[in-house]
Structures are given as structure tokens and as C-alpha cells.
Amino acid sequence: MSGVPLRVVSYNVHGLRDDRAALTGLIRELAPDVLVVQEAPRRFRWRQKCAALASETGLVVAEGGLPSLGNLLLVSLRVRVRRSWCLRYPLTPGRHMRGAVFAEGAVHGARFTVSGSHLATDPAERPAQAAHWKAELDQVKGPLIVAADLNEGPGGSAWRMVEDGLTGSSGDLPTFPAAAPSRRIDGVFAGPGVAIERYEIISTDRARVASDHLPIVVDLLLPSS
């Protein structure tokens, strides 16, 4: 199968509250072209904290942080970011505000759009957030990559809504909690024309102490321009 390779890692980093050295060392080892982060810095000095995470992992900030409510996109120098933007979901009174992050990029001339989000823990909130995100995703033209902590498994309505028209992993390996994984609540999905060559949940000893979620590594082939 031909195409331009792109490695994407999706990772809920638990607000950087766990073993920071394990986290950054693992990300460097995985060597993503695109790192889609959930629970990234979003409050006091969030710009400096996001930049520090990028520096420690050998990446650069593409978009996110406070404007996307803790969703963050970091990229390697292979990726040229052409445009980026953030989306905020309607606020449910008394709950956390949430959102999504987007970036249009290119690697060796192959263009793509990547988006990340972190849906609500409340099952009453998730479907509306998923619908809001999906409406924006449906406006994207060309190759699309979607990654999220959906806070529910593949049987949930929000997961099915996000995955509709996309391809993900057919397996059911758990991603949470990292120390003793029992639930699959994180996912990466690819749009038409983007081939998935490898989809792996990283469950090493280092991954179990780096965050409360396990990271997902996906090796993709983008259609050549």
C-alpha cells in the first residue's frame, strides 16, 4: 500500500500530575508526528506550560491549551501547520466547559486535518458535545484524523456518533485506568482515504505510571497529493 506515513499518538496526560519524566520519555520514544493531548494545561501560565511540554517531548505547539479547554496539538518538525482553530461546546451550568482543537497540516506535500477532544464524564452531556464536534468535523474537506478521550466505550451513542463515516480499531483493548486497564474510552479514527497500518495501545510499565490513561499509537498512510 502506498502513501505518505504519519504517526499519531493520542494521550490523556492527566493534567501532568503523574510521573513527568516517564511521560515525556515515553512520548519521545514513541516519536509521533502529531501528538493529540487531552487534559493539557489550560489555566494559569498555560502557554508556558504547553510550550514546556512541547520542548520536553521534542515537539512544537500547533494549537490548543486554554482556547480549546485543555486539548492540545503538538507536532514534529516534519509537519507544516497551515491553519489551526479551536471549538468550544455549549456550557452546561455547574459543569466543566469543554471543547475541541483542529489543525490543518501537511507532511511531504500530503495534506490532512487532525482534531482532538475530551468529552464529558456525564453521560447526559456527551451526546450533545459529540454532535457539536461532529458537525464541525463534517465541514472538513480532505484526509481527516480524529482522536479523543470519549469517556465511554464503542457501544456508547457519543462514540458511535464520532466514529460514523470513519475507521478505527476493531479491537477492544482497554485504555483506562492505566494502572489496571479495564475500560476502552480513548480512540483514534481515520477518514476515507487514510489507511491505518498500525493501531496499538501502549501498556508498558512506564506507560502505567506516566498518566492515568494509556496512550494510543497509530501509524497512518496519507494519500499523496
C-alpha atoms as a PDB file:
ATOM      1  CA  MET A   1       0.000   0.000   0.000  1.00  0.00           C
ATOM      2  CA  SER A   2       1.403   3.403  -0.985  1.00  0.00           C
ATOM      3  CA  GLY A   3       1.054   6.738   0.741  1.00  0.00           C
ATOM      4  CA  VAL A   4       2.833   9.208   2.995  1.00  0.00           C
ATOM      5  CA  PRO A   5       3.440   7.851   6.538  1.00  0.00           C
ATOM      6  CA  LEU A   6       2.200   9.789   9.547  1.00  0.00           C
ATOM      7  CA  ARG A   7       2.427   8.659  13.176  1.00  0.00           C
ATOM      8  CA  VAL A   8      -0.275   9.946  15.511  1.00  0.00           C
ATOM      9  CA  VAL A   9      -0.326   9.465  19.281  1.00  0.00           C
ATOM     10  CA  SER A  10      -3.419  10.250  21.345  1.00  0.00           C
ATOM     11  CA  TYR A  11      -2.784  10.713  25.057  1.00  0.00           C
ATOM     12  CA  ASN A  12      -4.745  11.942  28.065  1.00  0.00           C
ATOM     13  CA  VAL A  13      -1.880  13.205  30.234  1.00  0.00           C
ATOM     14  CA  HIS A  14      -3.941  13.627  33.434  1.00  0.00           C
ATOM     15  CA  GLY A  15      -3.045  17.278  33.832  1.00  0.00           C
ATOM     16  CA  LEU A  16       0.662  16.348  34.059  1.00  0.00           C
ATOM     17  CA  ARG A  17       0.067  15.162  37.626  1.00  0.00           C
ATOM     18  CA  ASP A  18       1.846  11.785  37.402  1.00  0.00           C
ATOM     19  CA  ASP A  19       5.433  10.763  36.600  1.00  0.00           C
ATOM     20  CA  ARG A  20       6.505  13.593  34.302  1.00  0.00           C
ATOM     21  CA  ALA A  21       9.838  12.018  33.346  1.00  0.00           C
ATOM     22  CA  ALA A  22       8.088   8.764  32.434  1.00  0.00           C
ATOM     23  CA  LEU A  23       5.516  10.669  30.390  1.00  0.00           C
ATOM     24  CA  THR A  24       7.936  12.770  28.382  1.00  0.00           C
ATOM     25  CA  GLY A  25      10.382   9.893  27.931  1.00  0.00           C
ATOM     26  CA  LEU A  26       7.608   7.670  26.604  1.00  0.00           C
ATOM     27  CA  ILE A  27       6.401  10.310  24.163  1.00  0.00           C
ATOM     28  CA  ARG A  28       9.945  10.816  22.875  1.00  0.00           C
ATOM     29  CA  GLU A  29      10.296   7.056  22.452  1.00  0.00           C
ATOM     30  CA  LEU A  30       7.021   6.854  20.501  1.00  0.00           C
ATOM     31  CA  ALA A  31       8.232   9.713  18.241  1.00  0.00           C
ATOM     32  CA  PRO A  32       4.873  10.985  16.992  1.00  0.00           C
ATOM     33  CA  ASP A  33       4.475  13.331  14.073  1.00  0.00           C
ATOM     34  CA  VAL A  34       1.263  14.518  15.738  1.00  0.00           C
ATOM     35  CA  LEU A  35       0.551  14.260  19.462  1.00  0.00           C
ATOM     36  CA  VAL A  36      -3.100  14.802  20.378  1.00  0.00           C
ATOM     37  CA  VAL A  37      -3.246  15.662  24.079  1.00  0.00           C
ATOM     38  CA  GLN A  38      -6.213  15.671  26.432  1.00  0.00           C
ATOM     39  CA  GLU A  39      -6.010  17.334  29.871  1.00  0.00           C
ATOM     40  CA  ALA A  40      -3.190  19.618  28.772  1.00  0.00           C
ATOM     41  CA  PRO A  41      -2.508  22.858  30.691  1.00  0.00           C
ATOM     42  CA  ARG A  42      -5.497  25.204  30.420  1.00  0.00           C
ATOM     43  CA  ARG A  43      -5.213  27.548  33.400  1.00  0.00           C
ATOM     44  CA  PHE A  44      -2.546  29.787  34.970  1.00  0.00           C
ATOM     45  CA  ARG A  45       0.530  30.154  32.718  1.00  0.00           C
ATOM     46  CA  TRP A  46      -0.931  27.638  30.282  1.00  0.00           C
ATOM     47  CA  ARG A  47       1.127  28.975  27.344  1.00  0.00           C
ATOM     48  CA  GLN A  48       4.424  28.412  29.144  1.00  0.00           C
ATOM     49  CA  LYS A  49       3.315  25.006  30.416  1.00  0.00           C
ATOM     50  CA  CYS A  50       2.236  23.831  26.961  1.00  0.00           C
ATOM     51  CA  ALA A  51       5.496  25.120  25.487  1.00  0.00           C
ATOM     52  CA  ALA A  52       7.468  23.298  28.189  1.00  0.00           C
ATOM     53  CA  LEU A  53       5.687  20.029  27.418  1.00  0.00           C
ATOM     54  CA  ALA A  54       6.450  20.504  23.729  1.00  0.00           C
ATOM     55  CA  SER A  55      10.115  21.209  24.447  1.00  0.00           C
ATOM     56  CA  GLU A  56      10.463  18.195  26.756  1.00  0.00           C
ATOM     57  CA  THR A  57       8.987  15.883  24.110  1.00  0.00           C
ATOM     58  CA  GLY A  58      10.914  17.294  21.137  1.00  0.00           C
ATOM     59  CA  LEU A  59       7.780  18.739  19.530  1.00  0.00           C
ATOM     60  CA  VAL A  60       6.269  22.161  18.855  1.00  0.00           C
ATOM     61  CA  VAL A  61       2.864  23.600  19.698  1.00  0.00           C
ATOM     62  CA  ALA A  62       0.403  23.670  16.803  1.00  0.00           C
ATOM     63  CA  GLU A  63      -2.746  24.755  18.642  1.00  0.00           C
ATOM     64  CA  GLY A  64      -4.728  24.413  21.857  1.00  0.00           C
ATOM     65  CA  GLY A  65      -4.451  24.883  25.596  1.00  0.00           C
ATOM     66  CA  LEU A  66      -6.892  27.320  27.164  1.00  0.00           C
ATOM     67  CA  PRO A  67      -8.733  28.224  23.902  1.00  0.00           C
ATOM     68  CA  SER A  68      -9.714  24.570  23.401  1.00  0.00           C
ATOM     69  CA  LEU A  69     -10.231  23.835  27.113  1.00  0.00           C
ATOM     70  CA  GLY A  70      -7.215  21.577  27.639  1.00  0.00           C
ATOM     71  CA  ASN A  71      -6.987  19.934  24.236  1.00  0.00           C
ATOM     72  CA  LEU A  72      -3.573  20.396  22.644  1.00  0.00           C
ATOM     73  CA  LEU A  73      -1.893  19.501  19.364  1.00  0.00           C
ATOM     74  CA  LEU A  74       1.890  19.112  19.283  1.00  0.00           C
ATOM     75  CA  VAL A  75       3.710  18.281  16.056  1.00  0.00           C
ATOM     76  CA  SER A  76       7.164  17.273  14.900  1.00  0.00           C
ATOM     77  CA  LEU A  77       9.183  19.379  12.502  1.00  0.00           C
ATOM     78  CA  ARG A  78       8.076  17.029   9.697  1.00  0.00           C
ATOM     79  CA  VAL A  79       4.650  18.653   9.854  1.00  0.00           C
ATOM     80  CA  ARG A  80       3.888  22.038   8.358  1.00  0.00           C
ATOM     81  CA  VAL A  81       0.840  23.563  10.045  1.00  0.00           C
ATOM     82  CA  ARG A  82      -1.209  25.565   7.565  1.00  0.00           C
ATOM     83  CA  ARG A  83      -4.177  26.619   9.722  1.00  0.00           C
ATOM     84  CA  SER A  84      -5.499  25.906  13.198  1.00  0.00           C
ATOM     85  CA  TRP A  85      -8.582  26.712  15.272  1.00  0.00           C
ATOM     86  CA  CYS A  86     -10.474  25.804  18.429  1.00  0.00           C
ATOM     87  CA  LEU A  87     -14.080  24.952  19.209  1.00  0.00           C
ATOM     88  CA  ARG A  88     -15.950  25.341  22.493  1.00  0.00           C
ATOM     89  CA  TYR A  89     -19.031  23.339  23.352  1.00  0.00           C
ATOM     90  CA  PRO A  90     -22.068  24.964  24.977  1.00  0.00           C
ATOM     91  CA  LEU A  91     -21.627  25.130  28.741  1.00  0.00           C
ATOM     92  CA  THR A  92     -23.847  23.066  30.991  1.00  0.00           C
ATOM     93  CA  PRO A  93     -24.294  25.121  34.190  1.00  0.00           C
ATOM     94  CA  GLY A  94     -22.294  23.660  37.036  1.00  0.00           C
ATOM     95  CA  ARG A  95     -20.149  21.500  34.759  1.00  0.00           C
ATOM     96  CA  HIS A  96     -16.704  21.891  33.148  1.00  0.00           C
ATOM     97  CA  MET A  97     -16.570  23.744  29.853  1.00  0.00           C
ATOM     98  CA  ARG A  98     -15.124  21.515  27.132  1.00  0.00           C
ATOM     99  CA  GLY A  99     -14.102  21.837  23.504  1.00  0.00           C
ATOM    100  CA  ALA A 100     -12.002  20.602  20.606  1.00  0.00           C
ATOM    101  CA  VAL A 101      -8.852  21.566  18.747  1.00  0.00           C
ATOM    102  CA  PHE A 102      -8.166  21.446  14.993  1.00  0.00           C
ATOM    103  CA  ALA A 103      -5.149  21.856  12.733  1.00  0.00           C
ATOM    104  CA  GLU A 104      -4.639  21.562   9.000  1.00  0.00           C
ATOM    105  CA  GLY A 105      -1.196  20.231   8.243  1.00  0.00           C
ATOM    106  CA  ALA A 106       0.985  18.769   5.537  1.00  0.00           C
ATOM    107  CA  VAL A 107       3.855  16.313   5.519  1.00  0.00           C
ATOM    108  CA  HIS A 108       5.881  15.812   2.332  1.00  0.00           C
ATOM    109  CA  GLY A 109       3.089  17.535   0.442  1.00  0.00           C
ATOM    110  CA  ALA A 110       0.342  15.256   1.765  1.00  0.00           C
ATOM    111  CA  ARG A 111      -2.337  17.347   3.456  1.00  0.00           C
ATOM    112  CA  PHE A 112      -4.520  16.342   6.388  1.00  0.00           C
ATOM    113  CA  THR A 113      -6.661  17.777   9.169  1.00  0.00           C
ATOM    114  CA  VAL A 114      -6.385  16.477  12.728  1.00  0.00           C
ATOM    115  CA  SER A 115      -8.791  17.158  15.576  1.00  0.00           C
ATOM    116  CA  GLY A 116      -8.824  16.202  19.250  1.00  0.00           C
ATOM    117  CA  SER A 117     -11.386  16.424  22.024  1.00  0.00           C
ATOM    118  CA  HIS A 118     -12.222  15.255  25.542  1.00  0.00           C
ATOM    119  CA  LEU A 119     -15.925  14.593  26.073  1.00  0.00           C
ATOM    120  CA  ALA A 120     -17.782  14.929  29.355  1.00  0.00           C
ATOM    121  CA  THR A 121     -17.825  12.355  32.119  1.00  0.00           C
ATOM    122  CA  ASP A 122     -21.589  12.961  32.440  1.00  0.00           C
ATOM    123  CA  PRO A 123     -23.493  10.676  30.032  1.00  0.00           C
ATOM    124  CA  ALA A 124     -26.236  13.273  29.775  1.00  0.00           C
ATOM    125  CA  GLU A 125     -23.780  15.818  28.343  1.00  0.00           C
ATOM    126  CA  ARG A 126     -21.730  13.650  25.993  1.00  0.00           C
ATOM    127  CA  PRO A 127     -24.151  13.182  23.056  1.00  0.00           C
ATOM    128  CA  ALA A 128     -24.692  16.929  22.610  1.00  0.00           C
ATOM    129  CA  GLN A 129     -20.939  17.566  22.749  1.00  0.00           C
ATOM    130  CA  ALA A 130     -20.313  14.763  20.254  1.00  0.00           C
ATOM    131  CA  ALA A 131     -22.952  16.206  17.923  1.00  0.00           C
ATOM    132  CA  HIS A 132     -21.408  19.679  18.172  1.00  0.00           C
ATOM    133  CA  TRP A 133     -17.958  18.284  17.392  1.00  0.00           C
ATOM    134  CA  LYS A 134     -19.232  16.044  14.610  1.00  0.00           C
ATOM    135  CA  ALA A 135     -20.925  18.983  12.888  1.00  0.00           C
ATOM    136  CA  GLU A 136     -17.554  20.752  12.738  1.00  0.00           C
ATOM    137  CA  LEU A 137     -15.734  17.584  11.636  1.00  0.00           C
ATOM    138  CA  ASP A 138     -18.222  17.139   8.801  1.00  0.00           C
ATOM    139  CA  GLN A 139     -17.145  20.508   7.396  1.00  0.00           C
ATOM    140  CA  VAL A 140     -13.568  19.306   6.933  1.00  0.00           C
ATOM    141  CA  LYS A 141     -12.507  18.595   3.369  1.00  0.00           C
ATOM    142  CA  GLY A 142      -9.818  16.046   2.596  1.00  0.00           C
ATOM    143  CA  PRO A 143      -7.993  13.496   4.791  1.00  0.00           C
ATOM    144  CA  LEU A 144      -9.171  13.607   8.406  1.00  0.00           C
ATOM    145  CA  ILE A 145      -7.759  12.188  11.663  1.00  0.00           C
ATOM    146  CA  VAL A 146      -9.793  12.313  14.873  1.00  0.00           C
ATOM    147  CA  ALA A 147      -8.602  11.446  18.399  1.00  0.00           C
ATOM    148  CA  ALA A 148     -10.339  11.711  21.746  1.00  0.00           C
ATOM    149  CA  ASP A 149     -10.941  10.653  25.284  1.00  0.00           C
ATOM    150  CA  LEU A 150     -14.639   9.961  24.804  1.00  0.00           C
ATOM    151  CA  ASN A 151     -15.287   8.883  28.394  1.00  0.00           C
ATOM    152  CA  GLU A 152     -17.326   5.943  27.082  1.00  0.00           C
ATOM    153  CA  GLY A 153     -16.741   2.785  25.094  1.00  0.00           C
ATOM    154  CA  PRO A 154     -17.573   1.854  21.499  1.00  0.00           C
ATOM    155  CA  GLY A 155     -21.144   0.923  22.424  1.00  0.00           C
ATOM    156  CA  GLY A 156     -21.974   4.455  23.558  1.00  0.00           C
ATOM    157  CA  SER A 157     -24.007   6.870  21.485  1.00  0.00           C
ATOM    158  CA  ALA A 158     -21.334   9.597  21.527  1.00  0.00           C
ATOM    159  CA  TRP A 159     -18.630   7.141  20.396  1.00  0.00           C
ATOM    160  CA  ARG A 160     -20.840   5.865  17.568  1.00  0.00           C
ATOM    161  CA  MET A 161     -21.639   9.408  16.500  1.00  0.00           C
ATOM    162  CA  VAL A 162     -17.992  10.459  16.325  1.00  0.00           C
ATOM    163  CA  GLU A 163     -16.935   7.249  14.582  1.00  0.00           C
ATOM    164  CA  ASP A 164     -19.686   7.407  11.947  1.00  0.00           C
ATOM    165  CA  GLY A 165     -18.077   7.530   8.489  1.00  0.00           C
ATOM    166  CA  LEU A 166     -14.596   6.991   9.951  1.00  0.00           C
ATOM    167  CA  THR A 167     -12.405   3.937  10.564  1.00  0.00           C
ATOM    168  CA  GLY A 168     -10.985   2.988  13.950  1.00  0.00           C
ATOM    169  CA  SER A 169      -9.587  -0.072  15.655  1.00  0.00           C
ATOM    170  CA  SER A 170     -11.709  -3.202  15.586  1.00  0.00           C
ATOM    171  CA  GLY A 171     -10.163  -4.407  18.853  1.00  0.00           C
ATOM    172  CA  ASP A 172     -11.393  -3.781  22.369  1.00  0.00           C
ATOM    173  CA  LEU A 173      -8.206  -3.319  24.386  1.00  0.00           C
ATOM    174  CA  PRO A 174      -8.743  -1.109  27.457  1.00  0.00           C
ATOM    175  CA  THR A 175      -7.073   2.288  27.874  1.00  0.00           C
ATOM    176  CA  PHE A 176      -8.179   3.276  31.396  1.00  0.00           C
ATOM    177  CA  PRO A 177      -7.200   3.290  34.214  1.00  0.00           C
ATOM    178  CA  ALA A 178      -3.552   2.872  33.250  1.00  0.00           C
ATOM    179  CA  ALA A 179      -2.508   1.007  36.398  1.00  0.00           C
ATOM    180  CA  ALA A 180      -5.103  -1.720  35.823  1.00  0.00           C
ATOM    181  CA  PRO A 181      -6.856  -1.098  32.499  1.00  0.00           C
ATOM    182  CA  SER A 182     -10.487  -2.211  32.342  1.00  0.00           C
ATOM    183  CA  ARG A 183     -12.275   0.273  30.043  1.00  0.00           C
ATOM    184  CA  ARG A 184     -11.724   1.390  26.472  1.00  0.00           C
ATOM    185  CA  ILE A 185     -12.631   5.087  26.489  1.00  0.00           C
ATOM    186  CA  ASP A 186      -9.942   6.548  24.193  1.00  0.00           C
ATOM    187  CA  GLY A 187      -9.965   6.237  20.418  1.00  0.00           C
ATOM    188  CA  VAL A 188      -8.349   7.347  17.165  1.00  0.00           C
ATOM    189  CA  PHE A 189     -10.289   7.373  13.898  1.00  0.00           C
ATOM    190  CA  ALA A 190      -9.307   7.970  10.282  1.00  0.00           C
ATOM    191  CA  GLY A 191     -11.389   9.389   7.459  1.00  0.00           C
ATOM    192  CA  PRO A 192     -11.787   7.995   3.959  1.00  0.00           C
ATOM    193  CA  GLY A 193      -8.529   7.709   2.063  1.00  0.00           C
ATOM    194  CA  VAL A 194      -6.392   7.477   5.212  1.00  0.00           C
ATOM    195  CA  ALA A 195      -5.127   3.928   5.773  1.00  0.00           C
ATOM    196  CA  ILE A 196      -4.406   2.565   9.244  1.00  0.00           C
ATOM    197  CA  GLU A 197      -1.267   0.403   9.201  1.00  0.00           C
ATOM    198  CA  ARG A 198      -0.834   0.013  12.975  1.00  0.00           C
ATOM    199  CA  TYR A 199      -3.108   0.720  15.942  1.00  0.00           C
ATOM    200  CA  GLU A 200      -1.619  -0.061  19.336  1.00  0.00           C
ATOM    201  CA  ILE A 201      -2.390   0.631  22.984  1.00  0.00           C
ATOM    202  CA  ILE A 202       0.919   1.103  24.838  1.00  0.00           C
ATOM    203  CA  SER A 203       0.753  -0.734  28.165  1.00  0.00           C
ATOM    204  CA  THR A 204       4.386  -0.843  29.283  1.00  0.00           C
ATOM    205  CA  ASP A 205       5.445  -0.328  32.891  1.00  0.00           C
ATOM    206  CA  ARG A 206       6.422   3.239  32.042  1.00  0.00           C
ATOM    207  CA  ALA A 207       3.022   3.932  30.497  1.00  0.00           C
ATOM    208  CA  ARG A 208       1.296   2.711  33.663  1.00  0.00           C
ATOM    209  CA  VAL A 209       2.978   5.395  35.799  1.00  0.00           C
ATOM    210  CA  ALA A 210       3.094   8.245  33.261  1.00  0.00           C
ATOM    211  CA  SER A 211      -0.640   9.033  33.348  1.00  0.00           C
ATOM    212  CA  ASP A 212      -3.981   7.528  34.339  1.00  0.00           C
ATOM    213  CA  HIS A 213      -4.664   6.726  30.656  1.00  0.00           C
ATOM    214  CA  LEU A 214      -2.634   4.574  28.281  1.00  0.00           C
ATOM    215  CA  PRO A 215      -1.524   6.209  25.023  1.00  0.00           C
ATOM    216  CA  ILE A 216      -2.658   5.068  21.586  1.00  0.00           C
ATOM    217  CA  VAL A 217      -0.145   4.922  18.724  1.00  0.00           C
ATOM    218  CA  VAL A 218      -1.491   4.871  15.178  1.00  0.00           C
ATOM    219  CA  ASP A 219       0.652   4.642  12.057  1.00  0.00           C
ATOM    220  CA  LEU A 220      -1.235   6.031   9.071  1.00  0.00           C
ATOM    221  CA  LEU A 221      -0.726   6.369   5.345  1.00  0.00           C
ATOM    222  CA  LEU A 222      -1.953   9.647   3.890  1.00  0.00           C
ATOM    223  CA  PRO A 223      -2.938   9.870   0.244  1.00  0.00           C
ATOM    224  CA  SER A 224      -0.206  11.517  -1.813  1.00  0.00           C
ATOM    225  CA  SER A 225      -1.086  14.898  -3.234  1.00  0.00           C
END
